[in-house]
C-alpha atoms as a PDB file:
ATOM      1  CA  MET A   1      13.544  19.876  14.069  1.00  0.00           C
ATOM      2  CA  PRO A   2      12.120  17.290  11.682  1.00  0.00           C
ATOM      3  CA  LYS A   3       9.629  14.892  13.164  1.00  0.00           C
ATOM      4  CA  THR A   4      10.672  11.272  12.624  1.00  0.00           C
ATOM      5  CA  ILE A   5       7.861   8.815  11.992  1.00  0.00           C
ATOM      6  CA  THR A   6       8.545   5.100  12.143  1.00  0.00           C
ATOM      7  CA  LEU A   7       6.952   3.320   9.194  1.00  0.00           C
ATOM      8  CA  ALA A   8       6.966  -0.456   9.639  1.00  0.00           C
ATOM      9  CA  HIS A   9       6.166  -2.949   6.926  1.00  0.00           C
ATOM     10  CA  SER A  10       7.090  -6.432   5.760  1.00  0.00           C
ATOM     11  CA  PRO A  11      10.252  -7.177   3.744  1.00  0.00           C
ATOM     12  CA  ASP A  12       8.267  -8.297   0.709  1.00  0.00           C
ATOM     13  CA  SER A  13       8.229  -7.153  -2.879  1.00  0.00           C
ATOM     14  CA  ASP A  14       4.682  -5.767  -2.738  1.00  0.00           C
ATOM     15  CA  ASP A  15       5.359  -3.588   0.321  1.00  0.00           C
ATOM     16  CA  ALA A  16       8.719  -2.538  -1.122  1.00  0.00           C
ATOM     17  CA  PHE A  17       6.951  -1.521  -4.334  1.00  0.00           C
ATOM     18  CA  MET A  18       4.309   0.383  -2.397  1.00  0.00           C
ATOM     19  CA  PHE A  19       6.821   2.394  -0.350  1.00  0.00           C
ATOM     20  CA  TYR A  20       9.357   2.914  -3.140  1.00  0.00           C
ATOM     21  CA  GLY A  21       8.549   6.612  -3.445  1.00  0.00           C
ATOM     22  CA  LEU A  22       9.134   7.247   0.246  1.00  0.00           C
ATOM     23  CA  ALA A  23      12.104   4.922   0.727  1.00  0.00           C
ATOM     24  CA  THR A  24      14.010   6.500  -2.176  1.00  0.00           C
ATOM     25  CA  HIS A  25      13.000  10.077  -1.303  1.00  0.00           C
ATOM     26  CA  LYS A  26      11.004  10.648  -4.474  1.00  0.00           C
ATOM     27  CA  ILE A  27       8.257  12.209  -2.345  1.00  0.00           C
ATOM     28  CA  ASP A  28       8.839  15.579  -0.673  1.00  0.00           C
ATOM     29  CA  THR A  29       7.790  15.098   2.957  1.00  0.00           C
ATOM     30  CA  GLY A  30       8.886  18.493   4.259  1.00  0.00           C
ATOM     31  CA  ASP A  31      10.014  18.411   7.873  1.00  0.00           C
ATOM     32  CA  ILE A  32       8.697  14.873   8.444  1.00  0.00           C
ATOM     33  CA  GLN A  33      11.266  12.104   8.122  1.00  0.00           C
ATOM     34  CA  PHE A  34      10.296   8.458   7.781  1.00  0.00           C
ATOM     35  CA  LYS A  35      12.299   5.677   9.399  1.00  0.00           C
ATOM     36  CA  HIS A  36      11.560   2.377   7.638  1.00  0.00           C
ATOM     37  CA  VAL A  37      11.481  -0.774   9.766  1.00  0.00           C
ATOM     38  CA  LEU A  38      11.150  -4.146   8.010  1.00  0.00           C
ATOM     39  CA  GLU A  39       9.751  -7.150   9.895  1.00  0.00           C
ATOM     40  CA  ASP A  40       7.580 -10.128   9.004  1.00  0.00           C
ATOM     41  CA  ILE A  41       3.842  -9.709   9.372  1.00  0.00           C
ATOM     42  CA  GLN A  42       3.505 -11.833  12.502  1.00  0.00           C
ATOM     43  CA  LYS A  43       5.997  -9.607  14.360  1.00  0.00           C
ATOM     44  CA  LEU A  44       4.306  -6.468  13.052  1.00  0.00           C
ATOM     45  CA  ASN A  45       0.944  -7.727  14.318  1.00  0.00           C
ATOM     46  CA  GLU A  46       2.403  -8.473  17.751  1.00  0.00           C
ATOM     47  CA  ARG A  47       4.146  -5.101  18.011  1.00  0.00           C
ATOM     48  CA  ALA A  48       0.962  -3.324  16.995  1.00  0.00           C
ATOM     49  CA  THR A  49      -0.847  -4.781  20.016  1.00  0.00           C
ATOM     50  CA  ARG A  50       1.627  -2.745  22.079  1.00  0.00           C
ATOM     51  CA  GLY A  51       1.365   0.353  19.891  1.00  0.00           C
ATOM     52  CA  GLU A  52       5.106   0.386  19.227  1.00  0.00           C
ATOM     53  CA  TYR A  53       5.147   2.061  15.788  1.00  0.00           C
ATOM     54  CA  GLU A  54       3.387   5.227  14.656  1.00  0.00           C
ATOM     55  CA  VAL A  55       2.527   3.706  11.270  1.00  0.00           C
ATOM     56  CA  THR A  56       2.597  -0.003  10.527  1.00  0.00           C
ATOM     57  CA  ALA A  57       1.329  -2.631   8.151  1.00  0.00           C
ATOM     58  CA  VAL A  58      -0.894  -5.163   9.903  1.00  0.00           C
ATOM     59  CA  SER A  59      -3.176  -8.037   9.060  1.00  0.00           C
ATOM     60  CA  PHE A  60      -6.860  -7.105   9.091  1.00  0.00           C
ATOM     61  CA  HIS A  61      -7.359  -9.925  11.575  1.00  0.00           C
ATOM     62  CA  ALA A  62      -4.916  -8.163  13.916  1.00  0.00           C
ATOM     63  CA  TYR A  63      -6.881  -4.914  13.594  1.00  0.00           C
ATOM     64  CA  ALA A  64      -9.553  -6.503  15.768  1.00  0.00           C
ATOM     65  CA  TYR A  65      -7.083  -6.400  18.675  1.00  0.00           C
ATOM     66  CA  ILE A  66      -5.526  -2.976  18.055  1.00  0.00           C
ATOM     67  CA  ALA A  67      -8.531  -0.826  17.116  1.00  0.00           C
ATOM     68  CA  ASP A  68      -8.199   1.027  20.431  1.00  0.00           C
ATOM     69  CA  LYS A  69      -4.681   2.147  19.469  1.00  0.00           C
ATOM     70  CA  TYR A  70      -4.861   2.549  15.678  1.00  0.00           C
ATOM     71  CA  ARG A  71      -7.064   3.665  12.821  1.00  0.00           C
ATOM     72  CA  LEU A  72      -6.822   2.350   9.272  1.00  0.00           C
ATOM     73  CA  LEU A  73      -5.354   4.634   6.649  1.00  0.00           C
ATOM     74  CA  PRO A  74      -7.607   4.970   3.596  1.00  0.00           C
ATOM     75  CA  HIS A  75      -4.971   3.448   1.296  1.00  0.00           C
ATOM     76  CA  GLY A  76      -2.195   0.872   1.329  1.00  0.00           C
ATOM     77  CA  ALA A  77      -4.389  -2.213   1.530  1.00  0.00           C
ATOM     78  CA  SER A  78      -3.675  -5.633   0.074  1.00  0.00           C
ATOM     79  CA  ILE A  79      -7.056  -6.938  -1.037  1.00  0.00           C
ATOM     80  CA  GLY A  80      -7.567  -9.981  -3.234  1.00  0.00           C
ATOM     81  CA  ASP A  81     -10.527  -9.721  -5.596  1.00  0.00           C
ATOM     82  CA  ASN A  82     -11.503 -13.362  -6.224  1.00  0.00           C
ATOM     83  CA  TYR A  83      -8.111 -14.671  -5.097  1.00  0.00           C
ATOM     84  CA  GLY A  84      -6.333 -14.966  -1.776  1.00  0.00           C
ATOM     85  CA  PRO A  85      -4.449 -17.323   0.535  1.00  0.00           C
ATOM     86  CA  ILE A  86      -4.225 -20.880  -0.757  1.00  0.00           C
ATOM     87  CA  VAL A  87      -4.215 -24.148   1.140  1.00  0.00           C
ATOM     88  CA  VAL A  88      -1.851 -26.554  -0.613  1.00  0.00           C
ATOM     89  CA  ALA A  89      -0.820 -30.155  -0.004  1.00  0.00           C
ATOM     90  CA  HIS A  90       1.349 -32.867  -1.466  1.00  0.00           C
ATOM     91  CA  GLU A  91      -1.589 -35.260  -1.613  1.00  0.00           C
ATOM     92  CA  ALA A  92      -4.812 -34.695  -3.562  1.00  0.00           C
ATOM     93  CA  TYR A  93      -6.941 -33.753  -0.560  1.00  0.00           C
ATOM     94  CA  LYS A  94     -10.450 -32.414  -0.961  1.00  0.00           C
ATOM     95  CA  ALA A  95     -11.417 -29.126   0.668  1.00  0.00           C
ATOM     96  CA  ASN A  96     -13.776 -30.925   3.088  1.00  0.00           C
ATOM     97  CA  GLN A  97     -10.813 -32.906   4.439  1.00  0.00           C
ATOM     98  CA  ILE A  98      -9.022 -29.894   5.905  1.00  0.00           C
ATOM     99  CA  GLU A  99     -10.568 -30.483   9.321  1.00  0.00           C
ATOM    100  CA  SER A 100      -8.656 -33.760   9.562  1.00  0.00           C
ATOM    101  CA  LEU A 101      -5.307 -32.304   8.460  1.00  0.00           C
ATOM    102  CA  LYS A 102      -2.441 -30.595  10.266  1.00  0.00           C
ATOM    103  CA  VAL A 103      -1.953 -27.258   8.509  1.00  0.00           C
ATOM    104  CA  ALA A 104       1.169 -25.087   8.571  1.00  0.00           C
ATOM    105  CA  VAL A 105      -0.037 -21.506   9.087  1.00  0.00           C
ATOM    106  CA  PRO A 106       1.932 -18.226   8.961  1.00  0.00           C
ATOM    107  CA  GLY A 107       0.601 -16.899  12.279  1.00  0.00           C
ATOM    108  CA  THR A 108      -2.603 -16.901  14.290  1.00  0.00           C
ATOM    109  CA  MET A 109      -3.140 -13.146  13.874  1.00  0.00           C
ATOM    110  CA  THR A 110      -2.853 -13.216  10.097  1.00  0.00           C
ATOM    111  CA  SER A 111      -5.901 -12.629   7.936  1.00  0.00           C
ATOM    112  CA  ALA A 112      -5.149 -15.877   6.135  1.00  0.00           C
ATOM    113  CA  PHE A 113      -5.601 -17.771   9.399  1.00  0.00           C
ATOM    114  CA  LEU A 114      -8.887 -15.981  10.122  1.00  0.00           C
ATOM    115  CA  ALA A 115     -10.143 -16.749   6.613  1.00  0.00           C
ATOM    116  CA  LEU A 116      -9.297 -20.428   7.014  1.00  0.00           C
ATOM    117  CA  ARG A 117     -11.004 -20.557  10.430  1.00  0.00           C
ATOM    118  CA  ILE A 118     -14.124 -19.001   8.909  1.00  0.00           C
ATOM    119  CA  TYR A 119     -13.987 -21.579   6.136  1.00  0.00           C
ATOM    120  CA  CYS A 120     -13.165 -24.516   8.421  1.00  0.00           C
ATOM    121  CA  PRO A 121     -13.617 -23.743  12.133  1.00  0.00           C
ATOM    122  CA  THR A 122     -11.674 -26.730  13.459  1.00  0.00           C
ATOM    123  CA  PHE A 123      -8.351 -28.111  12.260  1.00  0.00           C
ATOM    124  CA  ALA A 124      -4.938 -28.878  13.738  1.00  0.00           C
ATOM    125  CA  TYR A 125      -2.249 -26.341  12.908  1.00  0.00           C
ATOM    126  CA  GLU A 126       1.359 -25.416  13.496  1.00  0.00           C
ATOM    127  CA  VAL A 127       2.725 -21.879  13.193  1.00  0.00           C
ATOM    128  CA  VAL A 128       5.560 -21.837  10.656  1.00  0.00           C
ATOM    129  CA  PRO A 129       7.350 -18.762   9.187  1.00  0.00           C
ATOM    130  CA  PHE A 130       5.545 -17.965   5.956  1.00  0.00           C
ATOM    131  CA  ASP A 131       8.610 -18.555   3.781  1.00  0.00           C
ATOM    132  CA  GLN A 132       9.136 -22.038   5.264  1.00  0.00           C
ATOM    133  CA  ILE A 133       5.594 -23.363   4.821  1.00  0.00           C
ATOM    134  CA  ILE A 134       6.195 -25.022   1.456  1.00  0.00           C
ATOM    135  CA  GLU A 135       9.161 -26.904   2.891  1.00  0.00           C
ATOM    136  CA  ALA A 136       7.104 -27.920   5.954  1.00  0.00           C
ATOM    137  CA  VAL A 137       4.586 -29.551   3.616  1.00  0.00           C
ATOM    138  CA  LYS A 138       7.189 -31.145   1.345  1.00  0.00           C
ATOM    139  CA  SER A 139       9.044 -32.658   4.321  1.00  0.00           C
ATOM    140  CA  GLY A 140       5.871 -34.108   5.824  1.00  0.00           C
ATOM    141  CA  GLN A 141       6.099 -31.912   8.917  1.00  0.00           C
ATOM    142  CA  CYS A 142       2.535 -30.823   8.130  1.00  0.00           C
ATOM    143  CA  ASP A 143      -0.154 -32.324   5.888  1.00  0.00           C
ATOM    144  CA  ALA A 144      -1.004 -29.017   4.257  1.00  0.00           C
ATOM    145  CA  GLY A 145       0.127 -25.404   4.216  1.00  0.00           C
ATOM    146  CA  LEU A 146      -1.622 -22.041   4.175  1.00  0.00           C
ATOM    147  CA  LEU A 147       0.285 -19.908   1.675  1.00  0.00           C
ATOM    148  CA  ILE A 148       0.542 -16.139   1.621  1.00  0.00           C
ATOM    149  CA  HIS A 149       2.960 -13.943  -0.323  1.00  0.00           C
ATOM    150  CA  GLU A 150       4.879 -15.263  -3.331  1.00  0.00           C
ATOM    151  CA  GLY A 151       4.350 -18.944  -2.542  1.00  0.00           C
ATOM    152  CA  GLN A 152       0.841 -18.562  -3.930  1.00  0.00           C
ATOM    153  CA  LEU A 153       2.341 -18.352  -7.418  1.00  0.00           C
ATOM    154  CA  PHE A 154       4.936 -21.130  -7.512  1.00  0.00           C
ATOM    155  CA  TYR A 155       3.774 -23.888  -5.126  1.00  0.00           C
ATOM    156  CA  HIS A 156       3.074 -26.193  -8.078  1.00  0.00           C
ATOM    157  CA  LYS A 157       6.769 -26.136  -8.979  1.00  0.00           C
ATOM    158  CA  HIS A 158       7.390 -27.955  -5.698  1.00  0.00           C
ATOM    159  CA  GLY A 159       4.981 -30.746  -6.518  1.00  0.00           C
ATOM    160  CA  LEU A 160       2.170 -29.320  -4.387  1.00  0.00           C
ATOM    161  CA  GLN A 161      -1.446 -28.891  -5.400  1.00  0.00           C
ATOM    162  CA  LYS A 162      -4.250 -26.567  -4.419  1.00  0.00           C
ATOM    163  CA  VAL A 163      -6.810 -27.737  -1.903  1.00  0.00           C
ATOM    164  CA  VAL A 164      -8.761 -24.458  -1.776  1.00  0.00           C
ATOM    165  CA  ASP A 165      -8.256 -20.802  -2.692  1.00  0.00           C
ATOM    166  CA  LEU A 166      -9.862 -18.881   0.173  1.00  0.00           C
ATOM    167  CA  GLY A 167     -10.219 -15.731  -1.911  1.00  0.00           C
ATOM    168  CA  GLU A 168     -12.239 -17.580  -4.532  1.00  0.00           C
ATOM    169  CA  TRP A 169     -14.404 -19.167  -1.830  1.00  0.00           C
ATOM    170  CA  TRP A 170     -14.982 -15.822  -0.078  1.00  0.00           C
ATOM    171  CA  HIS A 171     -15.985 -14.175  -3.356  1.00  0.00           C
ATOM    172  CA  GLU A 172     -18.443 -16.982  -4.096  1.00  0.00           C
ATOM    173  CA  GLN A 173     -20.002 -16.575  -0.647  1.00  0.00           C
ATOM    174  CA  THR A 174     -20.107 -12.775  -0.390  1.00  0.00           C
ATOM    175  CA  GLY A 175     -19.392 -11.251  -3.791  1.00  0.00           C
ATOM    176  CA  LEU A 176     -16.706  -9.217  -2.040  1.00  0.00           C
ATOM    177  CA  PRO A 177     -12.910  -9.109  -2.234  1.00  0.00           C
ATOM    178  CA  LEU A 178     -10.944 -10.702   0.605  1.00  0.00           C
ATOM    179  CA  PRO A 179      -8.963  -8.160   2.677  1.00  0.00           C
ATOM    180  CA  MET A 180      -5.526  -9.345   3.783  1.00  0.00           C
ATOM    181  CA  GLY A 181      -3.565  -6.412   5.184  1.00  0.00           C
ATOM    182  CA  GLY A 182      -3.585  -2.656   5.532  1.00  0.00           C
ATOM    183  CA  ASN A 183      -1.672   0.264   6.964  1.00  0.00           C
ATOM    184  CA  VAL A 184      -2.693   1.750  10.299  1.00  0.00           C
ATOM    185  CA  ILE A 185      -1.748   4.948  12.100  1.00  0.00           C
ATOM    186  CA  ARG A 186      -1.643   5.476  15.831  1.00  0.00           C
ATOM    187  CA  ARG A 187      -4.522   7.381  17.385  1.00  0.00           C
ATOM    188  CA  ASP A 188      -2.305   9.576  19.567  1.00  0.00           C
ATOM    189  CA  LEU A 189      -0.976  11.485  16.534  1.00  0.00           C
ATOM    190  CA  ASP A 190      -2.799  14.762  16.016  1.00  0.00           C
ATOM    191  CA  ASP A 191      -5.065  15.257  13.011  1.00  0.00           C
ATOM    192  CA  ALA A 192      -2.669  17.573  11.166  1.00  0.00           C
ATOM    193  CA  ILE A 193       0.219  15.093  11.317  1.00  0.00           C
ATOM    194  CA  THR A 194      -2.091  12.190  10.500  1.00  0.00           C
ATOM    195  CA  SER A 195      -3.376  13.996   7.420  1.00  0.00           C
ATOM    196  CA  ARG A 196       0.148  14.760   6.172  1.00  0.00           C
ATOM    197  CA  ILE A 197       1.393  11.210   6.733  1.00  0.00           C
ATOM    198  CA  SER A 198      -1.649   9.821   4.930  1.00  0.00           C
ATOM    199  CA  LYS A 199      -1.024  12.174   2.007  1.00  0.00           C
ATOM    200  CA  TYR A 200       2.635  11.146   1.682  1.00  0.00           C
ATOM    201  CA  LEU A 201       1.877   7.424   1.805  1.00  0.00           C
ATOM    202  CA  HIS A 202      -0.815   7.845  -0.836  1.00  0.00           C
ATOM    203  CA  GLU A 203       1.618   9.791  -3.020  1.00  0.00           C
ATOM    204  CA  SER A 204       4.196   7.016  -2.638  1.00  0.00           C
ATOM    205  CA  ILE A 205       1.759   4.356  -3.861  1.00  0.00           C
ATOM    206  CA  ARG A 206       0.660   6.505  -6.784  1.00  0.00           C
ATOM    207  CA  TYR A 207       4.282   7.305  -7.680  1.00  0.00           C
ATOM    208  CA  SER A 208       5.139   3.594  -7.784  1.00  0.00           C
ATOM    209  CA  LEU A 209       2.163   2.767  -9.975  1.00  0.00           C
ATOM    210  CA  GLU A 210       3.081   5.602 -12.343  1.00  0.00           C
ATOM    211  CA  HIS A 211       6.786   4.612 -12.388  1.00  0.00           C
ATOM    212  CA  ARG A 212       6.193   0.883 -12.405  1.00  0.00           C
ATOM    213  CA  GLU A 213       9.442  -0.226 -14.046  1.00  0.00           C
ATOM    214  CA  ASP A 214      11.644   1.691 -11.599  1.00  0.00           C
ATOM    215  CA  ALA A 215       9.560   0.632  -8.612  1.00  0.00           C
ATOM    216  CA  LEU A 216       9.674  -3.022  -9.684  1.00  0.00           C
ATOM    217  CA  ARG A 217      13.425  -2.863 -10.101  1.00  0.00           C
ATOM    218  CA  TYR A 218      13.678  -1.569  -6.521  1.00  0.00           C
ATOM    219  CA  ALA A 219      11.204  -4.180  -5.231  1.00  0.00           C
ATOM    220  CA  MET A 220      13.141  -7.057  -6.810  1.00  0.00           C
ATOM    221  CA  GLN A 221      15.748  -6.906  -4.049  1.00  0.00           C
ATOM    222  CA  PHE A 222      12.981  -8.077  -1.682  1.00  0.00           C
ATOM    223  CA  ALA A 223      11.611 -10.785  -3.996  1.00  0.00           C
ATOM    224  CA  ARG A 224      13.700 -13.672  -2.595  1.00  0.00           C
ATOM    225  CA  ASP A 225      15.283 -14.649  -5.946  1.00  0.00           C
ATOM    226  CA  MET A 226      11.907 -14.810  -7.662  1.00  0.00           C
ATOM    227  CA  ASP A 227      11.737 -14.588 -11.445  1.00  0.00           C
ATOM    228  CA  PRO A 228      11.094 -10.937 -12.446  1.00  0.00           C
ATOM    229  CA  ARG A 229       7.946 -11.872 -14.374  1.00  0.00           C
ATOM    230  CA  LEU A 230       6.594 -13.719 -11.356  1.00  0.00           C
ATOM    231  CA  ALA A 231       7.455 -10.788  -9.081  1.00  0.00           C
ATOM    232  CA  ASP A 232       5.640  -8.433 -11.444  1.00  0.00           C
ATOM    233  CA  CYS A 233       2.570 -10.677 -11.331  1.00  0.00           C
ATOM    234  CA  PHE A 234       2.700 -10.861  -7.531  1.00  0.00           C
ATOM    235  CA  VAL A 235       3.001  -7.088  -7.137  1.00  0.00           C
ATOM    236  CA  GLU A 236       0.107  -6.552  -9.550  1.00  0.00           C
ATOM    237  CA  MET A 237      -2.058  -8.851  -7.409  1.00  0.00           C
ATOM    238  CA  TRP A 238      -1.487  -6.888  -4.211  1.00  0.00           C
ATOM    239  CA  VAL A 239      -0.722  -3.297  -5.264  1.00  0.00           C
ATOM    240  CA  ASN A 240      -3.471  -1.955  -7.504  1.00  0.00           C
ATOM    241  CA  ASP A 241      -6.412   0.458  -7.608  1.00  0.00           C
ATOM    242  CA  LEU A 242      -7.815  -0.960  -4.349  1.00  0.00           C
ATOM    243  CA  THR A 243      -4.454  -0.148  -2.744  1.00  0.00           C
ATOM    244  CA  LEU A 244      -4.797   3.484  -3.757  1.00  0.00           C
ATOM    245  CA  ASP A 245      -8.359   3.641  -2.456  1.00  0.00           C
ATOM    246  CA  TYR A 246     -10.382   0.909  -0.746  1.00  0.00           C
ATOM    247  CA  THR A 247     -13.564   2.158  -2.406  1.00  0.00           C
ATOM    248  CA  GLU A 248     -16.850   1.531  -0.635  1.00  0.00           C
ATOM    249  CA  ARG A 249     -16.766  -2.112  -1.711  1.00  0.00           C
ATOM    250  CA  GLY A 250     -13.359  -2.622  -0.105  1.00  0.00           C
ATOM    251  CA  ARG A 251     -14.428  -0.968   3.136  1.00  0.00           C
ATOM    252  CA  VAL A 252     -17.552  -3.099   3.290  1.00  0.00           C
ATOM    253  CA  ALA A 253     -15.375  -6.178   2.742  1.00  0.00           C
ATOM    254  CA  VAL A 254     -13.132  -5.343   5.716  1.00  0.00           C
ATOM    255  CA  GLN A 255     -16.093  -4.869   8.047  1.00  0.00           C
ATOM    256  CA  ARG A 256     -17.794  -8.035   6.771  1.00  0.00           C
ATOM    257  CA  PHE A 257     -14.597 -10.055   7.247  1.00  0.00           C
ATOM    258  CA  LEU A 258     -14.249  -9.006  10.894  1.00  0.00           C
ATOM    259  CA  ASP A 259     -17.995  -9.391  11.507  1.00  0.00           C
ATOM    260  CA  GLU A 260     -17.853 -12.984  10.247  1.00  0.00           C
ATOM    261  CA  GLY A 261     -14.926 -13.700  12.563  1.00  0.00           C
ATOM    262  CA  ALA A 262     -16.780 -12.268  15.554  1.00  0.00           C
ATOM    263  CA  ALA A 263     -20.029 -14.062  14.693  1.00  0.00           C
ATOM    264  CA  ARG A 264     -18.203 -17.383  14.801  1.00  0.00           C
ATOM    265  CA  GLY A 265     -16.419 -16.609  18.057  1.00  0.00           C
ATOM    266  CA  ILE A 266     -12.974 -16.576  16.420  1.00  0.00           C
ATOM    267  CA  ILE A 267     -12.666 -12.895  17.288  1.00  0.00           C
ATOM    268  CA  PRO A 268     -13.928 -12.529  20.876  1.00  0.00           C
ATOM    269  CA  HIS A 269     -15.726  -9.204  20.332  1.00  0.00           C
ATOM    270  CA  SER A 270     -17.303  -7.157  17.575  1.00  0.00           C
ATOM    271  CA  VAL A 271     -15.099  -4.583  15.901  1.00  0.00           C
ATOM    272  CA  LYS A 272     -16.053  -1.297  14.256  1.00  0.00           C
ATOM    273  CA  VAL A 273     -13.639  -0.471  11.488  1.00  0.00           C
ATOM    274  CA  GLU A 274     -12.526   3.171  11.610  1.00  0.00           C
ATOM    275  CA  PHE A 275     -10.561   5.001   8.935  1.00  0.00           C
ATOM    276  CA  ALA A 276      -8.376   8.061   9.416  1.00  0.00           C
ATOM    277  CA  ASP A 277      -9.922   9.979   6.529  1.00  0.00           C
END
């Protein structure tokens, strides 16, 4: 009987692009079947703390709390090289004013939240679904918003302005890219199954990059009415060569990111990043 593996990821154009090959059965997976589950990143992070899915996308911040249950796969990462989550506001605030603002954030286990806490340890915040953050700022519900996903590209169309790009800041400080999210696999799967699953996911990413037009057309149904050119730009930001392979620089960046969080007491313990190679 085929073994069914639950593969959980967010309902976003970049993840849809990444898993196009698997979701549309372009990749031969033999007797392994994949069941795709789509949930927002905050829910995926929470479910991962309970080990609910065999394979799931998670924030790197969340990995600090699930490392006993999961290992990182060596591909599938969203890593911003000199760009990342953006704090935006309606008013022309300076970056050093963030500590006095109330910031709408997409979840306390997101990597964006960890990056902002590393940048500014103390600020008031309210958790808001990521696709409602721009509206929370426009309505005055919050003074500023921490944007992930597509909002990073069109916030200015809503009359908002950038306070700080955390990816740019991180690169200035470390020379490294800023890791946002990756795919993890549960530790209780045996090595043979883990190796096969890893191979198929890698093939799916490569297939999408090699069949970009078809994969983008598929991903557009998850782009929340975004202009195709904007969606293409967004996908290119988060599905690229570092998605196929972290490289040593990417792996160092993940460990450094979690080390910085632990050193500041944001993450309550040190974390050793482990890959299922």
